[in-house]
Amino acid sequence: MFGFEAAYTHLGKKTLAAVVNNSSITMLSVSGNDIDDADAIQLAGMKLKKLYAAANNIGPAGGVALAHNTTLNTLDINQNHVGDEAAFEFAKTTTLGELYIAFNHLTKAGIDAIEANQHLYSYMIGEGQQSQMKVDRRATHKFLIETERLSHFSHA
């Protein structure tokens, strides 16, 4: 896995274009770089496994494009503006495992749609401190199985 770390570096459009054209990059961190919808659409065309793009200016169009990427396993787009339009698309993804999409102007409908996606094993959603959630379904499932197994031994 080859990564490129450029979080909070005032990454310019020329540098971003060079990154997008580099097919060997599989992990990219561009949080806090004024990435907009046009940039996100370009990023969505990359064959990334992990993308960290929190605290940018990604709107619904960029969010939808990222939701349609089939190589991403981890996506952090906390603190953007993707809204429910993108949330409904993320609810349909079958390749994304981790999604961090808090503080993106989601309504209850968008949050509920994401929560219903059984392919996501870890996610963070919500708009306020009280409504933020993080669930790792694999760890929870493993814990429940182990608890059930141990309870059988203790009752035997």
N, C-alpha and C. Protein backbone atom coordinates (compact mmCIF):
# COMPACT_ATOMS: atom_id res chain seq x y z
N MET A 1 0.85 -1.17 0.00
CA MET A 1 0.00 0.00 0.00
C MET A 1 0.89 1.24 0.00
N PHE A 2 0.71 2.10 -0.97
CA PHE A 2 1.48 3.32 -1.07
C PHE A 2 0.57 4.49 -0.71
N GLY A 3 0.97 5.26 0.28
CA GLY A 3 0.14 6.36 0.74
C GLY A 3 0.75 7.71 0.44
N PHE A 4 -0.12 8.70 0.46
CA PHE A 4 0.29 10.09 0.26
C PHE A 4 -0.40 10.92 1.34
N GLU A 5 0.39 11.54 2.20
CA GLU A 5 -0.12 12.32 3.32
C GLU A 5 0.03 13.81 3.00
N ALA A 6 -1.11 14.49 2.90
CA ALA A 6 -1.08 15.93 2.60
C ALA A 6 -2.16 16.67 3.39
N ALA A 7 -2.51 16.16 4.56
CA ALA A 7 -3.56 16.79 5.37
C ALA A 7 -3.12 18.16 5.84
N TYR A 8 -4.03 19.11 5.71
CA TYR A 8 -3.83 20.49 6.18
C TYR A 8 -2.55 21.11 5.64
N THR A 9 -2.31 20.93 4.35
CA THR A 9 -1.08 21.46 3.73
C THR A 9 -1.35 22.50 2.64
N HIS A 10 -2.58 22.93 2.47
CA HIS A 10 -2.93 23.86 1.40
C HIS A 10 -2.55 23.29 0.04
N LEU A 11 -2.91 22.04 -0.14
CA LEU A 11 -2.64 21.32 -1.37
C LEU A 11 -3.25 22.09 -2.55
N GLY A 12 -2.48 22.38 -3.54
CA GLY A 12 -2.97 23.12 -4.70
C GLY A 12 -3.59 22.21 -5.74
N LYS A 13 -4.26 22.83 -6.71
CA LYS A 13 -4.94 22.07 -7.77
C LYS A 13 -3.95 21.30 -8.64
N LYS A 14 -2.79 21.85 -8.89
CA LYS A 14 -1.80 21.15 -9.71
C LYS A 14 -1.26 19.92 -8.99
N THR A 15 -0.99 20.08 -7.71
CA THR A 15 -0.50 18.94 -6.93
C THR A 15 -1.58 17.87 -6.84
N LEU A 16 -2.82 18.29 -6.61
CA LEU A 16 -3.92 17.33 -6.54
C LEU A 16 -4.06 16.58 -7.87
N ALA A 17 -3.93 17.28 -8.98
CA ALA A 17 -4.03 16.64 -10.30
C ALA A 17 -2.92 15.59 -10.46
N ALA A 18 -1.73 15.90 -10.00
CA ALA A 18 -0.62 14.94 -10.08
C ALA A 18 -0.90 13.71 -9.21
N VAL A 19 -1.48 13.93 -8.05
CA VAL A 19 -1.83 12.83 -7.15
C VAL A 19 -2.89 11.94 -7.79
N VAL A 20 -3.92 12.56 -8.35
CA VAL A 20 -5.02 11.82 -8.99
C VAL A 20 -4.49 10.95 -10.12
N ASN A 21 -3.48 11.43 -10.82
CA ASN A 21 -2.93 10.69 -11.96
C ASN A 21 -1.90 9.62 -11.57
N ASN A 22 -1.61 9.50 -10.28
CA ASN A 22 -0.65 8.51 -9.80
C ASN A 22 -1.41 7.25 -9.40
N SER A 23 -1.35 6.23 -10.24
CA SER A 23 -2.13 5.01 -10.02
C SER A 23 -1.56 4.12 -8.92
N SER A 24 -0.38 4.41 -8.40
CA SER A 24 0.20 3.55 -7.36
C SER A 24 -0.26 3.95 -5.95
N ILE A 25 -0.91 5.09 -5.82
CA ILE A 25 -1.38 5.54 -4.50
C ILE A 25 -2.65 4.78 -4.14
N THR A 26 -2.65 4.14 -2.97
CA THR A 26 -3.84 3.42 -2.49
C THR A 26 -4.39 4.00 -1.19
N MET A 27 -3.62 4.87 -0.54
CA MET A 27 -4.07 5.57 0.66
C MET A 27 -3.76 7.05 0.50
N LEU A 28 -4.77 7.87 0.71
CA LEU A 28 -4.60 9.31 0.50
C LEU A 28 -5.22 10.07 1.66
N SER A 29 -4.46 11.01 2.21
CA SER A 29 -4.95 11.87 3.28
C SER A 29 -4.89 13.32 2.82
N VAL A 30 -6.07 13.90 2.59
CA VAL A 30 -6.16 15.27 2.10
C VAL A 30 -7.14 16.10 2.93
N SER A 31 -7.28 15.76 4.19
CA SER A 31 -8.18 16.51 5.07
C SER A 31 -7.73 17.96 5.17
N GLY A 32 -8.70 18.87 5.31
CA GLY A 32 -8.40 20.28 5.52
C GLY A 32 -7.72 20.97 4.36
N ASN A 33 -8.08 20.64 3.13
CA ASN A 33 -7.42 21.22 1.96
C ASN A 33 -8.38 21.88 0.97
N ASP A 34 -9.54 22.29 1.41
CA ASP A 34 -10.53 22.92 0.53
C ASP A 34 -10.88 22.07 -0.68
N ILE A 35 -10.90 20.76 -0.49
CA ILE A 35 -11.33 19.85 -1.56
C ILE A 35 -12.81 20.11 -1.80
N ASP A 36 -13.18 20.35 -3.06
CA ASP A 36 -14.58 20.63 -3.38
C ASP A 36 -15.18 19.48 -4.18
N ASP A 37 -16.40 19.67 -4.70
CA ASP A 37 -17.06 18.60 -5.44
C ASP A 37 -16.25 18.15 -6.66
N ALA A 38 -15.73 19.08 -7.41
CA ALA A 38 -14.95 18.73 -8.61
C ALA A 38 -13.73 17.89 -8.23
N ASP A 39 -13.06 18.28 -7.15
CA ASP A 39 -11.89 17.52 -6.68
C ASP A 39 -12.32 16.13 -6.20
N ALA A 40 -13.42 16.06 -5.45
CA ALA A 40 -13.90 14.78 -4.93
C ALA A 40 -14.29 13.84 -6.07
N ILE A 41 -14.86 14.39 -7.11
CA ILE A 41 -15.22 13.57 -8.28
C ILE A 41 -13.95 12.98 -8.90
N GLN A 42 -12.89 13.77 -8.97
CA GLN A 42 -11.61 13.25 -9.48
C GLN A 42 -11.07 12.17 -8.55
N LEU A 43 -11.13 12.41 -7.24
CA LEU A 43 -10.63 11.44 -6.27
C LEU A 43 -11.42 10.13 -6.36
N ALA A 44 -12.71 10.25 -6.63
CA ALA A 44 -13.57 9.06 -6.72
C ALA A 44 -13.15 8.15 -7.87
N GLY A 45 -12.45 8.69 -8.85
CA GLY A 45 -11.99 7.89 -9.97
C GLY A 45 -10.70 7.12 -9.69
N MET A 46 -10.07 7.40 -8.55
CA MET A 46 -8.84 6.71 -8.20
C MET A 46 -9.14 5.32 -7.63
N LYS A 47 -8.16 4.44 -7.66
CA LYS A 47 -8.32 3.10 -7.09
C LYS A 47 -7.74 3.06 -5.68
N LEU A 48 -8.29 3.92 -4.84
CA LEU A 48 -7.84 4.01 -3.46
C LEU A 48 -8.49 2.95 -2.60
N LYS A 49 -7.79 2.53 -1.56
CA LYS A 49 -8.36 1.66 -0.53
C LYS A 49 -8.82 2.51 0.65
N LYS A 50 -8.07 3.59 0.94
CA LYS A 50 -8.39 4.46 2.07
C LYS A 50 -8.29 5.91 1.63
N LEU A 51 -9.31 6.69 1.98
CA LEU A 51 -9.31 8.13 1.68
C LEU A 51 -9.74 8.88 2.92
N TYR A 52 -8.90 9.80 3.35
CA TYR A 52 -9.19 10.67 4.48
C TYR A 52 -9.33 12.08 3.94
N ALA A 53 -10.58 12.56 3.89
CA ALA A 53 -10.86 13.87 3.29
C ALA A 53 -11.81 14.67 4.19
N ALA A 54 -11.57 14.63 5.48
CA ALA A 54 -12.39 15.37 6.44
C ALA A 54 -12.10 16.86 6.35
N ALA A 55 -13.05 17.66 6.82
CA ALA A 55 -12.88 19.11 6.95
C ALA A 55 -12.52 19.77 5.62
N ASN A 56 -13.30 19.48 4.60
CA ASN A 56 -13.14 20.09 3.29
C ASN A 56 -14.45 20.74 2.88
N ASN A 57 -14.67 20.92 1.61
CA ASN A 57 -15.90 21.53 1.10
C ASN A 57 -16.60 20.59 0.12
N ILE A 58 -16.63 19.32 0.45
CA ILE A 58 -17.26 18.33 -0.42
C ILE A 58 -18.77 18.40 -0.21
N GLY A 59 -19.49 18.60 -1.31
CA GLY A 59 -20.94 18.69 -1.26
C GLY A 59 -21.59 17.42 -1.76
N PRO A 60 -22.89 17.48 -2.04
CA PRO A 60 -23.63 16.30 -2.48
C PRO A 60 -23.05 15.61 -3.71
N ALA A 61 -22.67 16.35 -4.73
CA ALA A 61 -22.15 15.73 -5.97
C ALA A 61 -20.86 14.96 -5.69
N GLY A 62 -19.97 15.54 -4.92
CA GLY A 62 -18.72 14.86 -4.57
C GLY A 62 -18.97 13.65 -3.70
N GLY A 63 -19.90 13.78 -2.76
CA GLY A 63 -20.24 12.66 -1.89
C GLY A 63 -20.83 11.49 -2.67
N VAL A 64 -21.72 11.79 -3.61
CA VAL A 64 -22.31 10.74 -4.44
C VAL A 64 -21.23 10.04 -5.26
N ALA A 65 -20.33 10.81 -5.84
CA ALA A 65 -19.24 10.22 -6.63
C ALA A 65 -18.39 9.29 -5.76
N LEU A 66 -18.06 9.71 -4.56
CA LEU A 66 -17.26 8.87 -3.66
C LEU A 66 -18.03 7.62 -3.26
N ALA A 67 -19.33 7.73 -3.10
CA ALA A 67 -20.16 6.56 -2.75
C ALA A 67 -20.14 5.51 -3.85
N HIS A 68 -19.92 5.93 -5.08
CA HIS A 68 -19.92 5.00 -6.20
C HIS A 68 -18.55 4.37 -6.47
N ASN A 69 -17.52 4.81 -5.73
CA ASN A 69 -16.19 4.20 -5.88
C ASN A 69 -16.26 2.78 -5.33
N THR A 70 -15.74 1.82 -6.07
CA THR A 70 -15.83 0.41 -5.66
C THR A 70 -14.54 -0.15 -5.10
N THR A 71 -13.51 0.67 -4.95
CA THR A 71 -12.25 0.16 -4.38
C THR A 71 -12.03 0.63 -2.95
N LEU A 72 -12.72 1.68 -2.53
CA LEU A 72 -12.54 2.20 -1.17
C LEU A 72 -13.05 1.22 -0.13
N ASN A 73 -12.23 1.02 0.91
CA ASN A 73 -12.67 0.26 2.07
C ASN A 73 -12.90 1.19 3.25
N THR A 74 -12.11 2.26 3.33
CA THR A 74 -12.21 3.23 4.41
C THR A 74 -12.37 4.63 3.82
N LEU A 75 -13.37 5.36 4.30
CA LEU A 75 -13.60 6.73 3.83
C LEU A 75 -13.94 7.62 5.02
N ASP A 76 -13.17 8.67 5.18
CA ASP A 76 -13.43 9.67 6.23
C ASP A 76 -13.75 10.98 5.53
N ILE A 77 -15.02 11.36 5.57
CA ILE A 77 -15.45 12.66 5.03
C ILE A 77 -16.21 13.44 6.11
N ASN A 78 -15.82 13.25 7.37
CA ASN A 78 -16.41 14.05 8.44
C ASN A 78 -16.25 15.54 8.11
N GLN A 79 -17.16 16.34 8.58
CA GLN A 79 -17.10 17.80 8.45
C GLN A 79 -17.03 18.28 7.01
N ASN A 80 -17.96 17.82 6.20
CA ASN A 80 -18.13 18.32 4.84
C ASN A 80 -19.59 18.73 4.69
N HIS A 81 -20.13 18.65 3.51
CA HIS A 81 -21.51 19.11 3.26
C HIS A 81 -22.25 18.16 2.33
N VAL A 82 -22.03 16.84 2.47
CA VAL A 82 -22.57 15.90 1.49
C VAL A 82 -24.07 15.69 1.59
N GLY A 83 -24.65 15.84 2.77
CA GLY A 83 -26.09 15.75 2.94
C GLY A 83 -26.69 14.39 2.66
N ASP A 84 -28.02 14.35 2.69
CA ASP A 84 -28.75 13.09 2.54
C ASP A 84 -28.61 12.47 1.15
N GLU A 85 -28.44 13.29 0.12
CA GLU A 85 -28.30 12.74 -1.23
C GLU A 85 -27.15 11.74 -1.27
N ALA A 86 -26.02 12.10 -0.69
CA ALA A 86 -24.87 11.19 -0.64
C ALA A 86 -25.12 10.07 0.36
N ALA A 87 -25.76 10.38 1.48
CA ALA A 87 -26.03 9.35 2.49
C ALA A 87 -26.83 8.20 1.91
N PHE A 88 -27.83 8.52 1.09
CA PHE A 88 -28.64 7.48 0.48
C PHE A 88 -27.82 6.60 -0.46
N GLU A 89 -26.82 7.19 -1.10
CA GLU A 89 -25.93 6.41 -1.97
C GLU A 89 -24.97 5.55 -1.14
N PHE A 90 -24.46 6.10 -0.05
CA PHE A 90 -23.59 5.31 0.83
C PHE A 90 -24.37 4.14 1.45
N ALA A 91 -25.66 4.31 1.63
CA ALA A 91 -26.49 3.25 2.17
C ALA A 91 -26.54 2.04 1.24
N LYS A 92 -26.24 2.23 -0.04
CA LYS A 92 -26.29 1.16 -1.03
C LYS A 92 -24.94 0.48 -1.26
N THR A 93 -23.86 1.05 -0.75
CA THR A 93 -22.53 0.52 -1.05
C THR A 93 -22.36 -0.88 -0.48
N THR A 94 -21.67 -1.71 -1.23
CA THR A 94 -21.37 -3.07 -0.77
C THR A 94 -19.87 -3.29 -0.62
N THR A 95 -19.06 -2.30 -0.96
CA THR A 95 -17.62 -2.48 -0.89
C THR A 95 -16.98 -1.68 0.25
N LEU A 96 -17.62 -0.65 0.71
CA LEU A 96 -17.08 0.19 1.77
C LEU A 96 -17.32 -0.48 3.12
N GLY A 97 -16.28 -0.55 3.94
CA GLY A 97 -16.40 -1.16 5.27
C GLY A 97 -16.46 -0.13 6.38
N GLU A 98 -15.68 0.94 6.25
CA GLU A 98 -15.63 1.99 7.27
C GLU A 98 -16.03 3.32 6.64
N LEU A 99 -16.99 3.99 7.27
CA LEU A 99 -17.46 5.28 6.77
C LEU A 99 -17.58 6.26 7.93
N TYR A 100 -16.88 7.36 7.83
CA TYR A 100 -16.92 8.42 8.84
C TYR A 100 -17.52 9.64 8.16
N ILE A 101 -18.78 9.95 8.52
CA ILE A 101 -19.56 10.94 7.79
C ILE A 101 -20.31 11.87 8.76
N ALA A 102 -19.76 12.08 9.93
CA ALA A 102 -20.38 12.97 10.92
C ALA A 102 -20.26 14.42 10.46
N PHE A 103 -21.19 15.24 10.91
CA PHE A 103 -21.20 16.67 10.62
C PHE A 103 -21.24 16.96 9.12
N ASN A 104 -22.23 16.36 8.47
CA ASN A 104 -22.43 16.52 7.03
C ASN A 104 -23.86 16.91 6.68
N HIS A 105 -24.55 17.52 7.61
CA HIS A 105 -25.93 17.99 7.38
C HIS A 105 -26.87 16.85 7.02
N LEU A 106 -26.74 15.74 7.74
CA LEU A 106 -27.62 14.60 7.50
C LEU A 106 -28.88 14.72 8.36
N THR A 107 -29.99 14.32 7.78
CA THR A 107 -31.23 14.26 8.54
C THR A 107 -31.35 12.85 9.13
N LYS A 108 -32.39 12.64 9.90
CA LYS A 108 -32.64 11.32 10.46
C LYS A 108 -32.78 10.27 9.35
N ALA A 109 -33.40 10.65 8.24
CA ALA A 109 -33.57 9.71 7.12
C ALA A 109 -32.21 9.27 6.57
N GLY A 110 -31.29 10.20 6.40
CA GLY A 110 -29.95 9.86 5.90
C GLY A 110 -29.18 9.00 6.88
N ILE A 111 -29.28 9.33 8.17
CA ILE A 111 -28.61 8.55 9.21
C ILE A 111 -29.18 7.14 9.25
N ASP A 112 -30.51 7.04 9.22
CA ASP A 112 -31.16 5.71 9.25
C ASP A 112 -30.75 4.87 8.05
N ALA A 113 -30.62 5.50 6.88
CA ALA A 113 -30.24 4.77 5.67
C ALA A 113 -28.84 4.17 5.83
N ILE A 114 -27.91 4.95 6.34
CA ILE A 114 -26.55 4.46 6.53
C ILE A 114 -26.52 3.35 7.58
N GLU A 115 -27.26 3.54 8.66
CA GLU A 115 -27.29 2.52 9.72
C GLU A 115 -27.83 1.19 9.21
N ALA A 116 -28.68 1.22 8.21
CA ALA A 116 -29.28 0.00 7.67
C ALA A 116 -28.33 -0.79 6.77
N ASN A 117 -27.23 -0.19 6.34
CA ASN A 117 -26.29 -0.86 5.45
C ASN A 117 -25.50 -1.91 6.23
N GLN A 118 -25.76 -3.17 5.96
CA GLN A 118 -25.11 -4.27 6.66
C GLN A 118 -23.67 -4.51 6.23
N HIS A 119 -23.23 -3.87 5.15
CA HIS A 119 -21.86 -4.04 4.69
C HIS A 119 -20.90 -3.13 5.46
N LEU A 120 -21.40 -2.07 6.04
CA LEU A 120 -20.56 -1.18 6.84
C LEU A 120 -20.34 -1.81 8.21
N TYR A 121 -19.09 -2.07 8.56
CA TYR A 121 -18.83 -2.65 9.88
C TYR A 121 -18.40 -1.59 10.88
N SER A 122 -18.07 -0.41 10.41
CA SER A 122 -17.70 0.66 11.32
C SER A 122 -18.10 1.98 10.69
N TYR A 123 -18.77 2.82 11.47
CA TYR A 123 -19.16 4.11 10.95
C TYR A 123 -19.33 5.12 12.06
N MET A 124 -19.25 6.40 11.69
CA MET A 124 -19.51 7.51 12.59
C MET A 124 -20.45 8.45 11.85
N ILE A 125 -21.59 8.70 12.44
CA ILE A 125 -22.58 9.57 11.82
C ILE A 125 -23.19 10.47 12.87
N GLY A 126 -23.89 11.49 12.42
CA GLY A 126 -24.58 12.39 13.33
C GLY A 126 -24.17 13.82 13.12
N GLU A 127 -24.90 14.69 13.77
CA GLU A 127 -24.66 16.12 13.60
C GLU A 127 -24.20 16.81 14.89
N GLY A 128 -24.55 16.29 16.00
CA GLY A 128 -24.18 16.91 17.27
C GLY A 128 -23.49 15.91 18.16
N GLN A 129 -22.91 16.40 19.22
CA GLN A 129 -22.18 15.55 20.13
C GLN A 129 -23.07 14.43 20.67
N GLN A 130 -24.33 14.73 20.93
CA GLN A 130 -25.24 13.72 21.47
C GLN A 130 -25.59 12.64 20.46
N SER A 131 -25.62 12.96 19.18
CA SER A 131 -26.09 11.99 18.20
C SER A 131 -24.96 11.25 17.47
N GLN A 132 -23.71 11.58 17.77
CA GLN A 132 -22.60 10.88 17.12
C GLN A 132 -22.57 9.42 17.54
N MET A 133 -22.32 8.57 16.59
CA MET A 133 -22.25 7.13 16.87
C MET A 133 -21.05 6.54 16.19
N LYS A 134 -20.51 5.54 16.81
CA LYS A 134 -19.46 4.75 16.16
C LYS A 134 -19.71 3.30 16.52
N VAL A 135 -19.85 2.49 15.53
CA VAL A 135 -20.16 1.08 15.73
C VAL A 135 -19.16 0.25 14.95
N ASP A 136 -18.58 -0.72 15.57
CA ASP A 136 -17.77 -1.70 14.87
C ASP A 136 -18.52 -3.01 14.96
N ARG A 137 -19.28 -3.31 13.94
CA ARG A 137 -20.15 -4.49 13.97
C ARG A 137 -19.36 -5.78 14.09
N ARG A 138 -18.17 -5.84 13.51
CA ARG A 138 -17.38 -7.07 13.60
C ARG A 138 -16.97 -7.33 15.05
N ALA A 139 -16.46 -6.29 15.71
CA ALA A 139 -16.05 -6.45 17.11
C ALA A 139 -17.24 -6.76 18.00
N THR A 140 -18.36 -6.10 17.77
CA THR A 140 -19.56 -6.36 18.56
C THR A 140 -20.04 -7.78 18.34
N HIS A 141 -20.06 -8.23 17.10
CA HIS A 141 -20.49 -9.59 16.77
C HIS A 141 -19.56 -10.61 17.44
N LYS A 142 -18.26 -10.38 17.34
CA LYS A 142 -17.28 -11.27 17.95
C LYS A 142 -17.48 -11.32 19.47
N PHE A 143 -17.72 -10.16 20.09
CA PHE A 143 -17.95 -10.09 21.52
C PHE A 143 -19.20 -10.88 21.91
N LEU A 144 -20.28 -10.73 21.14
CA LEU A 144 -21.52 -11.44 21.44
C LEU A 144 -21.35 -12.95 21.31
N ILE A 145 -20.62 -13.39 20.29
CA ILE A 145 -20.36 -14.82 20.11
C ILE A 145 -19.54 -15.36 21.28
N GLU A 146 -18.50 -14.63 21.66
CA GLU A 146 -17.64 -15.06 22.77
C GLU A 146 -18.43 -15.09 24.08
N THR A 147 -19.27 -14.09 24.31
CA THR A 147 -20.10 -14.05 25.51
C THR A 147 -21.05 -15.24 25.55
N GLU A 148 -21.65 -15.55 24.41
CA GLU A 148 -22.57 -16.69 24.32
C GLU A 148 -21.81 -17.99 24.58
N ARG A 149 -20.63 -18.13 24.00
CA ARG A 149 -19.82 -19.34 24.20
C ARG A 149 -19.45 -19.51 25.66
N LEU A 150 -19.03 -18.43 26.32
CA LEU A 150 -18.65 -18.50 27.74
C LEU A 150 -19.84 -18.79 28.63
N SER A 151 -21.02 -18.28 28.27
CA SER A 151 -22.19 -18.52 29.09
C SER A 151 -22.59 -19.99 29.07
N HIS A 152 -22.33 -20.68 27.97
CA HIS A 152 -22.61 -22.12 27.89
C HIS A 152 -21.71 -22.90 28.84
N PHE A 153 -20.44 -22.48 28.95
CA PHE A 153 -19.52 -23.16 29.84
C PHE A 153 -19.88 -22.91 31.31
N SER A 154 -20.32 -21.70 31.62
CA SER A 154 -20.61 -21.39 33.02
C SER A 154 -21.88 -22.06 33.51
N HIS A 155 -22.77 -22.45 32.59
CA HIS A 155 -24.01 -23.13 32.99
C HIS A 155 -23.89 -24.65 32.90
N ALA A 156 -22.77 -25.13 32.45
CA ALA A 156 -22.62 -26.59 32.25
C ALA A 156 -22.26 -27.29 33.54
